[in-house]
Amino acid sequence: MRNALLAILALSAATVATVAGSSPAAAYDYPYCLQGRGIGIPGDCSYATYGQCMASASGRALYCNINPRVAFGQQRRMRVYRDY
């Protein structure tokens, strides 16, 4: 009985580790960001619709805004010139 429990526990731990670590999370910029005090700018940009964002902001003194990375595109990095 004890060996069976240990085998099940080991198998479930191995399965969870395999599923959780199988691939990295995809980086995706959603169009709406949750913003407000304590979250900052651009904020929590994980909302596909304005309704989802507003539902999450409800009762939390937060607001929703358009994700600036989606609205204006990804900004190019400027080359840094140094005086030597």
PDB file of N, CA and C in Angstrom:
ATOM      1  N   MET A   1       0.820  -1.185   0.000  1.00  0.00           N
ATOM      2  CA  MET A   1       0.000   0.000   0.000  1.00  0.00           C
ATOM      3  C   MET A   1       0.872   1.260   0.000  1.00  0.00           C
ATOM      4  N   ARG A   2       1.887   1.254   0.860  1.00  0.00           N
ATOM      5  CA  ARG A   2       2.758   2.420   0.959  1.00  0.00           C
ATOM      6  C   ARG A   2       3.558   2.605  -0.325  1.00  0.00           C
ATOM      7  N   ASN A   3       4.045   1.503  -0.902  1.00  0.00           N
ATOM      8  CA  ASN A   3       4.804   1.591  -2.146  1.00  0.00           C
ATOM      9  C   ASN A   3       3.922   2.100  -3.291  1.00  0.00           C
ATOM     10  N   ALA A   4       2.671   1.701  -3.315  1.00  0.00           N
ATOM     11  CA  ALA A   4       1.760   2.155  -4.362  1.00  0.00           C
ATOM     12  C   ALA A   4       1.509   3.659  -4.240  1.00  0.00           C
ATOM     13  N   LEU A   5       1.344   4.146  -3.007  1.00  0.00           N
ATOM     14  CA  LEU A   5       1.150   5.584  -2.797  1.00  0.00           C
ATOM     15  C   LEU A   5       2.379   6.383  -3.220  1.00  0.00           C
ATOM     16  N   LEU A   6       3.567   5.881  -2.884  1.00  0.00           N
ATOM     17  CA  LEU A   6       4.790   6.569  -3.279  1.00  0.00           C
ATOM     18  C   LEU A   6       4.957   6.571  -4.795  1.00  0.00           C
ATOM     19  N   ALA A   7       4.609   5.475  -5.442  1.00  0.00           N
ATOM     20  CA  ALA A   7       4.704   5.408  -6.903  1.00  0.00           C
ATOM     21  C   ALA A   7       3.737   6.387  -7.557  1.00  0.00           C
ATOM     22  N   ILE A   8       2.524   6.484  -7.052  1.00  0.00           N
ATOM     23  CA  ILE A   8       1.536   7.423  -7.602  1.00  0.00           C
ATOM     24  C   ILE A   8       1.997   8.857  -7.378  1.00  0.00           C
ATOM     25  N   LEU A   9       2.527   9.148  -6.213  1.00  0.00           N
ATOM     26  CA  LEU A   9       3.014  10.485  -5.907  1.00  0.00           C
ATOM     27  C   LEU A   9       4.177  10.867  -6.823  1.00  0.00           C
ATOM     28  N   ALA A  10       5.116   9.962  -7.029  1.00  0.00           N
ATOM     29  CA  ALA A  10       6.258  10.227  -7.903  1.00  0.00           C
ATOM     30  C   ALA A  10       5.816  10.421  -9.350  1.00  0.00           C
ATOM     31  N   LEU A  11       4.865   9.621  -9.796  1.00  0.00           N
ATOM     32  CA  LEU A  11       4.364   9.736 -11.162  1.00  0.00           C
ATOM     33  C   LEU A  11       3.631  11.057 -11.373  1.00  0.00           C
ATOM     34  N   SER A  12       2.829  11.458 -10.397  1.00  0.00           N
ATOM     35  CA  SER A  12       2.107  12.720 -10.544  1.00  0.00           C
ATOM     36  C   SER A  12       3.062  13.908 -10.505  1.00  0.00           C
ATOM     37  N   ALA A  13       4.092  13.866  -9.680  1.00  0.00           N
ATOM     38  CA  ALA A  13       5.072  14.947  -9.620  1.00  0.00           C
ATOM     39  C   ALA A  13       5.843  15.053 -10.930  1.00  0.00           C
ATOM     40  N   ALA A  14       6.193  13.920 -11.511  1.00  0.00           N
ATOM     41  CA  ALA A  14       6.903  13.925 -12.794  1.00  0.00           C
ATOM     42  C   ALA A  14       6.014  14.465 -13.904  1.00  0.00           C
ATOM     43  N   THR A  15       4.739  14.129 -13.881  1.00  0.00           N
ATOM     44  CA  THR A  15       3.804  14.610 -14.897  1.00  0.00           C
ATOM     45  C   THR A  15       3.621  16.121 -14.789  1.00  0.00           C
ATOM     46  N   VAL A  16       3.471  16.627 -13.579  1.00  0.00           N
ATOM     47  CA  VAL A  16       3.296  18.064 -13.375  1.00  0.00           C
ATOM     48  C   VAL A  16       4.550  18.808 -13.822  1.00  0.00           C
ATOM     49  N   ALA A  17       5.717  18.298 -13.488  1.00  0.00           N
ATOM     50  CA  ALA A  17       6.964  18.952 -13.879  1.00  0.00           C
ATOM     51  C   ALA A  17       7.122  18.955 -15.397  1.00  0.00           C
ATOM     52  N   THR A  18       6.713  17.893 -16.053  1.00  0.00           N
ATOM     53  CA  THR A  18       6.822  17.818 -17.507  1.00  0.00           C
ATOM     54  C   THR A  18       5.864  18.785 -18.172  1.00  0.00           C
ATOM     55  N   VAL A  19       4.642  18.839 -17.705  1.00  0.00           N
ATOM     56  CA  VAL A  19       3.643  19.726 -18.308  1.00  0.00           C
ATOM     57  C   VAL A  19       3.992  21.179 -18.035  1.00  0.00           C
ATOM     58  N   ALA A  20       4.410  21.503 -16.835  1.00  0.00           N
ATOM     59  CA  ALA A  20       4.688  22.891 -16.470  1.00  0.00           C
ATOM     60  C   ALA A  20       5.943  23.414 -17.147  1.00  0.00           C
ATOM     61  N   GLY A  21       6.923  22.587 -17.371  1.00  0.00           N
ATOM     62  CA  GLY A  21       8.185  23.039 -17.936  1.00  0.00           C
ATOM     63  C   GLY A  21       8.387  22.660 -19.377  1.00  0.00           C
ATOM     64  N   SER A  22       7.337  22.294 -20.093  1.00  0.00           N
ATOM     65  CA  SER A  22       7.522  21.797 -21.447  1.00  0.00           C
ATOM     66  C   SER A  22       7.869  22.888 -22.442  1.00  0.00           C
ATOM     67  N   SER A  23       7.335  24.104 -22.268  1.00  0.00           N
ATOM     68  CA  SER A  23       7.659  25.179 -23.199  1.00  0.00           C
ATOM     69  C   SER A  23       7.503  26.513 -22.487  1.00  0.00           C
ATOM     70  N   PRO A  24       8.257  27.520 -22.944  1.00  0.00           N
ATOM     71  CA  PRO A  24       8.123  28.825 -22.312  1.00  0.00           C
ATOM     72  C   PRO A  24       6.811  29.487 -22.686  1.00  0.00           C
ATOM     73  N   ALA A  25       6.395  30.407 -21.859  1.00  0.00           N
ATOM     74  CA  ALA A  25       5.151  31.127 -22.135  1.00  0.00           C
ATOM     75  C   ALA A  25       5.329  32.022 -23.353  1.00  0.00           C
ATOM     76  N   ALA A  26       4.304  32.106 -24.161  1.00  0.00           N
ATOM     77  CA  ALA A  26       4.362  32.950 -25.342  1.00  0.00           C
ATOM     78  C   ALA A  26       4.163  34.405 -24.932  1.00  0.00           C
ATOM     79  N   ALA A  27       5.049  35.252 -25.404  1.00  0.00           N
ATOM     80  CA  ALA A  27       4.916  36.673 -25.126  1.00  0.00           C
ATOM     81  C   ALA A  27       3.943  37.275 -26.129  1.00  0.00           C
ATOM     82  N   TYR A  28       2.875  37.851 -25.615  1.00  0.00           N
ATOM     83  CA  TYR A  28       1.851  38.413 -26.485  1.00  0.00           C
ATOM     84  C   TYR A  28       1.330  39.684 -25.850  1.00  0.00           C
ATOM     85  N   ASP A  29       1.267  40.723 -26.632  1.00  0.00           N
ATOM     86  CA  ASP A  29       0.723  41.978 -26.132  1.00  0.00           C
ATOM     87  C   ASP A  29      -0.757  42.055 -26.448  1.00  0.00           C
ATOM     88  N   TYR A  30      -1.566  42.059 -25.427  1.00  0.00           N
ATOM     89  CA  TYR A  30      -3.004  42.187 -25.601  1.00  0.00           C
ATOM     90  C   TYR A  30      -3.354  43.669 -25.746  1.00  0.00           C
ATOM     91  N   PRO A  31      -4.485  43.988 -26.346  1.00  0.00           N
ATOM     92  CA  PRO A  31      -4.785  45.391 -26.647  1.00  0.00           C
ATOM     93  C   PRO A  31      -5.217  46.261 -25.462  1.00  0.00           C
ATOM     94  N   TYR A  32      -5.555  45.682 -24.323  1.00  0.00           N
ATOM     95  CA  TYR A  32      -6.028  46.499 -23.198  1.00  0.00           C
ATOM     96  C   TYR A  32      -5.196  46.243 -21.949  1.00  0.00           C
ATOM     97  N   CYS A  33      -4.925  47.336 -21.238  1.00  0.00           N
ATOM     98  CA  CYS A  33      -4.122  47.270 -20.020  1.00  0.00           C
ATOM     99  C   CYS A  33      -4.913  47.795 -18.829  1.00  0.00           C
ATOM    100  N   LEU A  34      -4.767  47.132 -17.711  1.00  0.00           N
ATOM    101  CA  LEU A  34      -5.338  47.566 -16.448  1.00  0.00           C
ATOM    102  C   LEU A  34      -4.327  48.488 -15.789  1.00  0.00           C
ATOM    103  N   GLN A  35      -4.747  49.707 -15.459  1.00  0.00           N
ATOM    104  CA  GLN A  35      -3.829  50.697 -14.909  1.00  0.00           C
ATOM    105  C   GLN A  35      -4.414  51.328 -13.666  1.00  0.00           C
ATOM    106  N   GLY A  36      -3.542  51.901 -12.879  1.00  0.00           N
ATOM    107  CA  GLY A  36      -3.978  52.596 -11.674  1.00  0.00           C
ATOM    108  C   GLY A  36      -2.884  52.616 -10.634  1.00  0.00           C
ATOM    109  N   ARG A  37      -3.236  53.089  -9.456  1.00  0.00           N
ATOM    110  CA  ARG A  37      -2.276  53.197  -8.366  1.00  0.00           C
ATOM    111  C   ARG A  37      -1.755  51.819  -7.976  1.00  0.00           C
ATOM    112  N   GLY A  38      -0.460  51.686  -7.934  1.00  0.00           N
ATOM    113  CA  GLY A  38       0.168  50.435  -7.544  1.00  0.00           C
ATOM    114  C   GLY A  38       0.458  49.503  -8.706  1.00  0.00           C
ATOM    115  N   ILE A  39      -0.115  49.762  -9.870  1.00  0.00           N
ATOM    116  CA  ILE A  39       0.147  48.905 -11.031  1.00  0.00           C
ATOM    117  C   ILE A  39       1.108  49.581 -11.986  1.00  0.00           C
ATOM    118  N   GLY A  40       0.985  50.880 -12.150  1.00  0.00           N
ATOM    119  CA  GLY A  40       1.894  51.624 -12.997  1.00  0.00           C
ATOM    120  C   GLY A  40       1.480  51.637 -14.456  1.00  0.00           C
ATOM    121  N   ILE A  41       2.427  52.056 -15.311  1.00  0.00           N
ATOM    122  CA  ILE A  41       2.157  52.174 -16.738  1.00  0.00           C
ATOM    123  C   ILE A  41       3.178  51.318 -17.458  1.00  0.00           C
ATOM    124  N   PRO A  42       2.881  50.489 -18.385  1.00  0.00           N
ATOM    125  CA  PRO A  42       1.591  50.304 -19.013  1.00  0.00           C
ATOM    126  C   PRO A  42       0.624  49.509 -18.169  1.00  0.00           C
ATOM    127  N   GLY A  43       1.060  48.845 -17.122  1.00  0.00           N
ATOM    128  CA  GLY A  43       0.141  48.121 -16.255  1.00  0.00           C
ATOM    129  C   GLY A  43       0.060  46.648 -16.588  1.00  0.00           C
ATOM    130  N   ASP A  44      -1.055  46.053 -16.258  1.00  0.00           N
ATOM    131  CA  ASP A  44      -1.298  44.631 -16.515  1.00  0.00           C
ATOM    132  C   ASP A  44      -1.981  44.501 -17.872  1.00  0.00           C
ATOM    133  N   CYS A  45      -1.208  44.208 -18.896  1.00  0.00           N
ATOM    134  CA  CYS A  45      -1.716  44.157 -20.275  1.00  0.00           C
ATOM    135  C   CYS A  45      -2.054  42.725 -20.662  1.00  0.00           C
ATOM    136  N   SER A  46      -3.012  42.139 -19.996  1.00  0.00           N
ATOM    137  CA  SER A  46      -3.361  40.746 -20.274  1.00  0.00           C
ATOM    138  C   SER A  46      -4.840  40.580 -20.592  1.00  0.00           C
ATOM    139  N   TYR A  47      -5.438  41.580 -21.236  1.00  0.00           N
ATOM    140  CA  TYR A  47      -6.870  41.537 -21.520  1.00  0.00           C
ATOM    141  C   TYR A  47      -7.120  41.688 -23.013  1.00  0.00           C
ATOM    142  N   ALA A  48      -7.867  40.743 -23.560  1.00  0.00           N
ATOM    143  CA  ALA A  48      -8.157  40.738 -24.994  1.00  0.00           C
ATOM    144  C   ALA A  48      -9.306  41.666 -25.349  1.00  0.00           C
ATOM    145  N   THR A  49     -10.214  41.911 -24.418  1.00  0.00           N
ATOM    146  CA  THR A  49     -11.348  42.792 -24.693  1.00  0.00           C
ATOM    147  C   THR A  49     -11.454  43.848 -23.594  1.00  0.00           C
ATOM    148  N   TYR A  50     -12.111  44.942 -23.956  1.00  0.00           N
ATOM    149  CA  TYR A  50     -12.333  46.018 -22.998  1.00  0.00           C
ATOM    150  C   TYR A  50     -13.233  45.555 -21.857  1.00  0.00           C
ATOM    151  N   GLY A  51     -14.192  44.705 -22.164  1.00  0.00           N
ATOM    152  CA  GLY A  51     -15.092  44.174 -21.141  1.00  0.00           C
ATOM    153  C   GLY A  51     -14.361  43.343 -20.097  1.00  0.00           C
ATOM    154  N   GLN A  52     -13.406  42.519 -20.526  1.00  0.00           N
ATOM    155  CA  GLN A  52     -12.611  41.729 -19.586  1.00  0.00           C
ATOM    156  C   GLN A  52     -11.826  42.648 -18.654  1.00  0.00           C
ATOM    157  N   CYS A  53     -11.232  43.674 -19.248  1.00  0.00           N
ATOM    158  CA  CYS A  53     -10.434  44.610 -18.464  1.00  0.00           C
ATOM    159  C   CYS A  53     -11.304  45.357 -17.453  1.00  0.00           C
ATOM    160  N   MET A  54     -12.454  45.832 -17.891  1.00  0.00           N
ATOM    161  CA  MET A  54     -13.346  46.559 -16.987  1.00  0.00           C
ATOM    162  C   MET A  54     -13.896  45.662 -15.883  1.00  0.00           C
ATOM    163  N   ALA A  55     -14.145  44.405 -16.190  1.00  0.00           N
ATOM    164  CA  ALA A  55     -14.617  43.475 -15.162  1.00  0.00           C
ATOM    165  C   ALA A  55     -13.549  43.273 -14.088  1.00  0.00           C
ATOM    166  N   SER A  56     -12.297  43.225 -14.505  1.00  0.00           N
ATOM    167  CA  SER A  56     -11.217  43.070 -13.542  1.00  0.00           C
ATOM    168  C   SER A  56     -10.989  44.346 -12.738  1.00  0.00           C
ATOM    169  N   ALA A  57     -11.218  45.498 -13.349  1.00  0.00           N
ATOM    170  CA  ALA A  57     -11.017  46.781 -12.671  1.00  0.00           C
ATOM    171  C   ALA A  57     -12.145  47.125 -11.717  1.00  0.00           C
ATOM    172  N   SER A  58     -13.286  46.503 -11.880  1.00  0.00           N
ATOM    173  CA  SER A  58     -14.471  46.826 -11.098  1.00  0.00           C
ATOM    174  C   SER A  58     -14.223  46.673  -9.599  1.00  0.00           C
ATOM    175  N   GLY A  59     -14.471  47.730  -8.859  1.00  0.00           N
ATOM    176  CA  GLY A  59     -14.348  47.689  -7.415  1.00  0.00           C
ATOM    177  C   GLY A  59     -12.932  47.805  -6.898  1.00  0.00           C
ATOM    178  N   ARG A  60     -11.972  48.079  -7.776  1.00  0.00           N
ATOM    179  CA  ARG A  60     -10.573  48.138  -7.365  1.00  0.00           C
ATOM    180  C   ARG A  60      -9.950  49.514  -7.557  1.00  0.00           C
ATOM    181  N   ALA A  61     -10.741  50.518  -7.923  1.00  0.00           N
ATOM    182  CA  ALA A  61     -10.255  51.878  -8.179  1.00  0.00           C
ATOM    183  C   ALA A  61      -9.183  51.876  -9.262  1.00  0.00           C
ATOM    184  N   LEU A  62      -9.379  51.067 -10.285  1.00  0.00           N
ATOM    185  CA  LEU A  62      -8.464  50.981 -11.420  1.00  0.00           C
ATOM    186  C   LEU A  62      -9.230  51.316 -12.686  1.00  0.00           C
ATOM    187  N   TYR A  63      -8.526  51.511 -13.769  1.00  0.00           N
ATOM    188  CA  TYR A  63      -9.166  51.807 -15.043  1.00  0.00           C
ATOM    189  C   TYR A  63      -8.457  51.063 -16.163  1.00  0.00           C
ATOM    190  N   CYS A  64      -9.076  51.037 -17.331  1.00  0.00           N
ATOM    191  CA  CYS A  64      -8.533  50.339 -18.492  1.00  0.00           C
ATOM    192  C   CYS A  64      -8.119  51.351 -19.549  1.00  0.00           C
ATOM    193  N   ASN A  65      -7.049  51.034 -20.243  1.00  0.00           N
ATOM    194  CA  ASN A  65      -6.553  51.882 -21.300  1.00  0.00           C
ATOM    195  C   ASN A  65      -5.994  51.000 -22.408  1.00  0.00           C
ATOM    196  N   ILE A  66      -5.778  51.596 -23.557  1.00  0.00           N
ATOM    197  CA  ILE A  66      -5.207  50.851 -24.675  1.00  0.00           C
ATOM    198  C   ILE A  66      -3.728  50.610 -24.405  1.00  0.00           C
ATOM    199  N   ASN A  67      -3.264  49.418 -24.736  1.00  0.00           N
ATOM    200  CA  ASN A  67      -1.864  49.053 -24.568  1.00  0.00           C
ATOM    201  C   ASN A  67      -1.021  49.906 -25.515  1.00  0.00           C
ATOM    202  N   PRO A  68      -0.077  50.696 -24.994  1.00  0.00           N
ATOM    203  CA  PRO A  68       0.718  51.553 -25.866  1.00  0.00           C
ATOM    204  C   PRO A  68       1.601  50.775 -26.838  1.00  0.00           C
ATOM    205  N   ARG A  69       2.040  49.577 -26.465  1.00  0.00           N
ATOM    206  CA  ARG A  69       2.856  48.777 -27.384  1.00  0.00           C
ATOM    207  C   ARG A  69       2.049  48.304 -28.571  1.00  0.00           C
ATOM    208  N   VAL A  70       0.760  48.068 -28.374  1.00  0.00           N
ATOM    209  CA  VAL A  70      -0.106  47.666 -29.477  1.00  0.00           C
ATOM    210  C   VAL A  70      -0.510  48.891 -30.292  1.00  0.00           C
ATOM    211  N   ALA A  71      -0.830  49.990 -29.613  1.00  0.00           N
ATOM    212  CA  ALA A  71      -1.307  51.183 -30.304  1.00  0.00           C
ATOM    213  C   ALA A  71      -0.226  51.828 -31.164  1.00  0.00           C
ATOM    214  N   PHE A  72       0.990  51.908 -30.660  1.00  0.00           N
ATOM    215  CA  PHE A  72       2.050  52.616 -31.363  1.00  0.00           C
ATOM    216  C   PHE A  72       3.108  51.687 -31.941  1.00  0.00           C
ATOM    217  N   GLY A  73       2.968  50.395 -31.769  1.00  0.00           N
ATOM    218  CA  GLY A  73       3.969  49.449 -32.263  1.00  0.00           C
ATOM    219  C   GLY A  73       5.176  49.421 -31.351  1.00  0.00           C
ATOM    220  N   GLN A  74       5.993  48.432 -31.542  1.00  0.00           N
ATOM    221  CA  GLN A  74       7.194  48.287 -30.720  1.00  0.00           C
ATOM    222  C   GLN A  74       8.206  49.351 -31.144  1.00  0.00           C
ATOM    223  N   GLN A  75       8.686  50.111 -30.204  1.00  0.00           N
ATOM    224  CA  GLN A  75       9.643  51.160 -30.505  1.00  0.00           C
ATOM    225  C   GLN A  75      11.022  50.564 -30.754  1.00  0.00           C
ATOM    226  N   ARG A  76      11.712  51.131 -31.745  1.00  0.00           N
ATOM    227  CA  ARG A  76      13.076  50.681 -32.019  1.00  0.00           C
ATOM    228  C   ARG A  76      14.011  51.252 -30.973  1.00  0.00           C
ATOM    229  N   ARG A  77      15.007  50.488 -30.640  1.00  0.00           N
ATOM    230  CA  ARG A  77      16.007  50.985 -29.702  1.00  0.00           C
ATOM    231  C   ARG A  77      16.979  51.878 -30.453  1.00  0.00           C
ATOM    232  N   MET A  78      17.330  52.963 -29.825  1.00  0.00           N
ATOM    233  CA  MET A  78      18.273  53.869 -30.453  1.00  0.00           C
ATOM    234  C   MET A  78      19.687  53.419 -30.143  1.00  0.00           C
ATOM    235  N   ARG A  79      20.565  53.671 -31.072  1.00  0.00           N
ATOM    236  CA  ARG A  79      21.954  53.314 -30.870  1.00  0.00           C
ATOM    237  C   ARG A  79      22.583  54.300 -29.881  1.00  0.00           C
ATOM    238  N   VAL A  80      23.353  53.778 -28.964  1.00  0.00           N
ATOM    239  CA  VAL A  80      24.000  54.612 -27.961  1.00  0.00           C
ATOM    240  C   VAL A  80      25.404  54.960 -28.456  1.00  0.00           C
ATOM    241  N   TYR A  81      25.658  56.247 -28.566  1.00  0.00           N
ATOM    242  CA  TYR A  81      26.986  56.724 -28.954  1.00  0.00           C
ATOM    243  C   TYR A  81      27.686  57.236 -27.702  1.00  0.00           C
ATOM    244  N   ARG A  82      28.899  56.816 -27.548  1.00  0.00           N
ATOM    245  CA  ARG A  82      29.659  57.226 -26.361  1.00  0.00           C
ATOM    246  C   ARG A  82      30.903  57.977 -26.787  1.00  0.00           C
ATOM    247  N   ASP A  83      31.234  58.946 -26.002  1.00  0.00           N
ATOM    248  CA  ASP A  83      32.479  59.700 -26.257  1.00  0.00           C
ATOM    249  C   ASP A  83      33.618  58.980 -25.562  1.00  0.00           C
ATOM    250  N   TYR A  84      34.606  58.649 -26.343  1.00  0.00           N
ATOM    251  CA  TYR A  84      35.770  57.977 -25.766  1.00  0.00           C
ATOM    252  C   TYR A  84      36.985  58.847 -25.906  1.00  0.00           C
TER     253      TYR A  84
END
